[in-house]
Amino acid sequence: MAGNGNGNGMSKQDLQDCCDQVHDILSDAYTPEASREDMAAAIGDALDLLENGPSADTDGDDDDDAQG
């Protein structure tokens, strides 16, 4: 069970990428015109990323933007 000390097997760059993606998701949703549903979806997406890592978003697209 060799690791890099962070307990989840992610490299420092993977962790930074994950943090950056979570920041982007939450920043995009944090607008005065955002609905409660949009914000809940963004929080869910951010939590999913935090739980599963940067590879959780396999299509590379932010699905929330398409709902508009």
N, C-alpha and C. Protein backbone atom coordinates (compact mmCIF):
# COMPACT_ATOMS: atom_id res chain seq x y z
N MET A 1 0.82 -1.19 0.00
CA MET A 1 0.00 0.00 0.00
C MET A 1 0.87 1.25 0.00
N ALA A 2 1.68 1.36 -1.02
CA ALA A 2 2.55 2.52 -1.15
C ALA A 2 1.73 3.71 -1.62
N GLY A 3 2.00 4.85 -1.07
CA GLY A 3 1.26 6.03 -1.46
C GLY A 3 2.14 7.25 -1.40
N ASN A 4 1.53 8.38 -1.61
CA ASN A 4 2.29 9.62 -1.60
C ASN A 4 2.00 10.44 -0.35
N GLY A 5 1.38 9.83 0.65
CA GLY A 5 1.17 10.53 1.90
C GLY A 5 -0.19 11.19 2.04
N ASN A 6 -0.95 11.31 0.95
CA ASN A 6 -2.25 11.96 1.08
C ASN A 6 -3.39 10.98 1.30
N GLY A 7 -3.09 9.66 1.29
CA GLY A 7 -4.07 8.66 1.66
C GLY A 7 -5.05 8.26 0.59
N ASN A 8 -5.00 8.89 -0.58
CA ASN A 8 -5.97 8.54 -1.61
C ASN A 8 -5.32 8.16 -2.93
N GLY A 9 -4.01 8.13 -3.00
CA GLY A 9 -3.32 7.71 -4.20
C GLY A 9 -3.24 8.76 -5.29
N MET A 10 -3.70 9.98 -5.01
CA MET A 10 -3.64 11.05 -6.00
C MET A 10 -2.33 11.80 -5.86
N SER A 11 -1.76 12.18 -7.00
CA SER A 11 -0.54 12.98 -6.97
C SER A 11 -0.90 14.42 -6.58
N LYS A 12 0.12 15.19 -6.26
CA LYS A 12 -0.10 16.59 -5.91
C LYS A 12 -0.75 17.33 -7.08
N GLN A 13 -0.33 17.02 -8.31
CA GLN A 13 -0.92 17.66 -9.48
C GLN A 13 -2.38 17.26 -9.65
N ASP A 14 -2.70 15.98 -9.39
CA ASP A 14 -4.09 15.53 -9.46
C ASP A 14 -4.95 16.27 -8.44
N LEU A 15 -4.43 16.43 -7.24
CA LEU A 15 -5.15 17.17 -6.21
C LEU A 15 -5.37 18.62 -6.61
N GLN A 16 -4.34 19.24 -7.19
CA GLN A 16 -4.48 20.63 -7.64
C GLN A 16 -5.50 20.74 -8.75
N ASP A 17 -5.48 19.79 -9.70
CA ASP A 17 -6.46 19.78 -10.79
C ASP A 17 -7.87 19.64 -10.24
N CYS A 18 -8.04 18.76 -9.27
CA CYS A 18 -9.34 18.55 -8.64
C CYS A 18 -9.82 19.84 -7.96
N CYS A 19 -8.95 20.47 -7.21
CA CYS A 19 -9.29 21.72 -6.54
C CYS A 19 -9.67 22.80 -7.55
N ASP A 20 -8.91 22.88 -8.63
CA ASP A 20 -9.19 23.87 -9.67
C ASP A 20 -10.56 23.63 -10.31
N GLN A 21 -10.87 22.36 -10.59
CA GLN A 21 -12.15 22.02 -11.21
C GLN A 21 -13.31 22.31 -10.26
N VAL A 22 -13.14 21.97 -8.98
CA VAL A 22 -14.18 22.27 -7.99
C VAL A 22 -14.39 23.78 -7.89
N HIS A 23 -13.30 24.53 -7.87
CA HIS A 23 -13.40 25.99 -7.82
C HIS A 23 -14.16 26.52 -9.03
N ASP A 24 -13.83 26.02 -10.21
CA ASP A 24 -14.51 26.47 -11.43
C ASP A 24 -16.01 26.16 -11.39
N ILE A 25 -16.36 24.95 -10.97
CA ILE A 25 -17.77 24.54 -10.89
C ILE A 25 -18.54 25.46 -9.95
N LEU A 26 -17.98 25.67 -8.76
CA LEU A 26 -18.67 26.48 -7.77
C LEU A 26 -18.68 27.96 -8.15
N SER A 27 -17.61 28.45 -8.73
CA SER A 27 -17.57 29.86 -9.16
C SER A 27 -18.59 30.14 -10.25
N ASP A 28 -18.73 29.20 -11.19
CA ASP A 28 -19.71 29.37 -12.27
C ASP A 28 -21.14 29.40 -11.73
N ALA A 29 -21.40 28.65 -10.69
CA ALA A 29 -22.75 28.58 -10.14
C ALA A 29 -23.06 29.73 -9.19
N TYR A 30 -22.03 30.38 -8.67
CA TYR A 30 -22.23 31.43 -7.67
C TYR A 30 -22.49 32.76 -8.36
N THR A 31 -23.70 32.89 -8.86
CA THR A 31 -24.14 34.11 -9.53
C THR A 31 -25.51 34.51 -8.98
N PRO A 32 -25.83 35.79 -8.98
CA PRO A 32 -27.14 36.21 -8.47
C PRO A 32 -28.32 35.57 -9.20
N GLU A 33 -28.15 35.28 -10.48
CA GLU A 33 -29.26 34.73 -11.25
C GLU A 33 -29.36 33.21 -11.18
N ALA A 34 -28.45 32.56 -10.48
CA ALA A 34 -28.47 31.10 -10.37
C ALA A 34 -29.68 30.64 -9.56
N SER A 35 -30.33 29.61 -10.07
CA SER A 35 -31.46 29.06 -9.34
C SER A 35 -30.98 28.12 -8.24
N ARG A 36 -31.86 27.79 -7.36
CA ARG A 36 -31.54 26.86 -6.29
C ARG A 36 -31.12 25.51 -6.88
N GLU A 37 -31.80 25.09 -7.94
CA GLU A 37 -31.48 23.82 -8.60
C GLU A 37 -30.10 23.84 -9.22
N ASP A 38 -29.74 24.97 -9.85
CA ASP A 38 -28.40 25.11 -10.45
C ASP A 38 -27.32 25.01 -9.39
N MET A 39 -27.55 25.69 -8.26
CA MET A 39 -26.56 25.66 -7.20
C MET A 39 -26.45 24.27 -6.57
N ALA A 40 -27.59 23.60 -6.39
CA ALA A 40 -27.57 22.24 -5.84
C ALA A 40 -26.84 21.29 -6.79
N ALA A 41 -27.06 21.44 -8.09
CA ALA A 41 -26.38 20.59 -9.07
C ALA A 41 -24.87 20.85 -9.04
N ALA A 42 -24.48 22.12 -8.94
CA ALA A 42 -23.06 22.46 -8.89
C ALA A 42 -22.41 21.89 -7.64
N ILE A 43 -23.10 21.98 -6.52
CA ILE A 43 -22.56 21.41 -5.28
C ILE A 43 -22.41 19.91 -5.42
N GLY A 44 -23.41 19.26 -6.02
CA GLY A 44 -23.33 17.81 -6.26
C GLY A 44 -22.16 17.46 -7.16
N ASP A 45 -21.96 18.23 -8.22
CA ASP A 45 -20.83 17.98 -9.13
C ASP A 45 -19.50 18.16 -8.40
N ALA A 46 -19.41 19.21 -7.58
CA ALA A 46 -18.18 19.46 -6.83
C ALA A 46 -17.90 18.33 -5.84
N LEU A 47 -18.93 17.89 -5.14
CA LEU A 47 -18.76 16.79 -4.19
C LEU A 47 -18.35 15.50 -4.91
N ASP A 48 -18.94 15.26 -6.06
CA ASP A 48 -18.58 14.07 -6.85
C ASP A 48 -17.11 14.12 -7.25
N LEU A 49 -16.66 15.28 -7.67
CA LEU A 49 -15.26 15.45 -8.03
C LEU A 49 -14.35 15.21 -6.83
N LEU A 50 -14.74 15.75 -5.69
CA LEU A 50 -13.92 15.58 -4.49
C LEU A 50 -13.87 14.12 -4.05
N GLU A 51 -14.96 13.39 -4.24
CA GLU A 51 -15.01 11.99 -3.84
C GLU A 51 -14.31 11.08 -4.83
N ASN A 52 -14.41 11.40 -6.13
CA ASN A 52 -13.94 10.49 -7.17
C ASN A 52 -12.71 10.97 -7.92
N GLY A 53 -12.30 12.20 -7.72
CA GLY A 53 -11.13 12.72 -8.39
C GLY A 53 -11.44 13.34 -9.75
N PRO A 54 -10.43 13.94 -10.36
CA PRO A 54 -10.61 14.66 -11.63
C PRO A 54 -11.15 13.80 -12.76
N SER A 55 -10.98 12.50 -12.71
CA SER A 55 -11.46 11.65 -13.80
C SER A 55 -12.96 11.41 -13.72
N ALA A 56 -13.64 11.95 -12.70
CA ALA A 56 -15.08 11.73 -12.53
C ALA A 56 -15.86 12.35 -13.68
N ASP A 57 -15.40 13.46 -14.22
CA ASP A 57 -16.07 14.12 -15.35
C ASP A 57 -15.46 13.57 -16.63
N THR A 58 -16.03 12.48 -17.13
CA THR A 58 -15.43 11.77 -18.25
C THR A 58 -15.67 12.43 -19.59
N ASP A 59 -16.74 13.25 -19.71
CA ASP A 59 -16.99 13.86 -21.01
C ASP A 59 -16.25 15.18 -21.21
N GLY A 60 -15.64 15.69 -20.13
CA GLY A 60 -14.86 16.92 -20.24
C GLY A 60 -15.69 18.16 -20.44
N ASP A 61 -17.01 18.06 -20.28
CA ASP A 61 -17.90 19.19 -20.49
C ASP A 61 -18.68 19.45 -19.22
N ASP A 62 -18.94 20.69 -18.93
CA ASP A 62 -19.75 21.04 -17.77
C ASP A 62 -21.20 20.97 -18.19
N ASP A 63 -21.91 19.92 -17.79
CA ASP A 63 -23.28 19.68 -18.21
C ASP A 63 -24.24 20.79 -17.76
N ASP A 64 -23.92 21.49 -16.68
CA ASP A 64 -24.81 22.51 -16.16
C ASP A 64 -24.96 23.68 -17.14
N ASP A 65 -23.93 23.96 -17.92
CA ASP A 65 -23.99 25.07 -18.87
C ASP A 65 -25.06 24.83 -19.94
N ALA A 66 -25.30 23.59 -20.30
CA ALA A 66 -26.24 23.27 -21.36
C ALA A 66 -27.69 23.45 -20.92
N GLN A 67 -27.93 23.49 -19.60
CA GLN A 67 -29.30 23.59 -19.11
C GLN A 67 -29.80 25.02 -19.07
N GLY A 68 -28.91 25.97 -19.08
CA GLY A 68 -29.13 27.31 -19.15
C GLY A 68 -30.07 28.19 -18.61
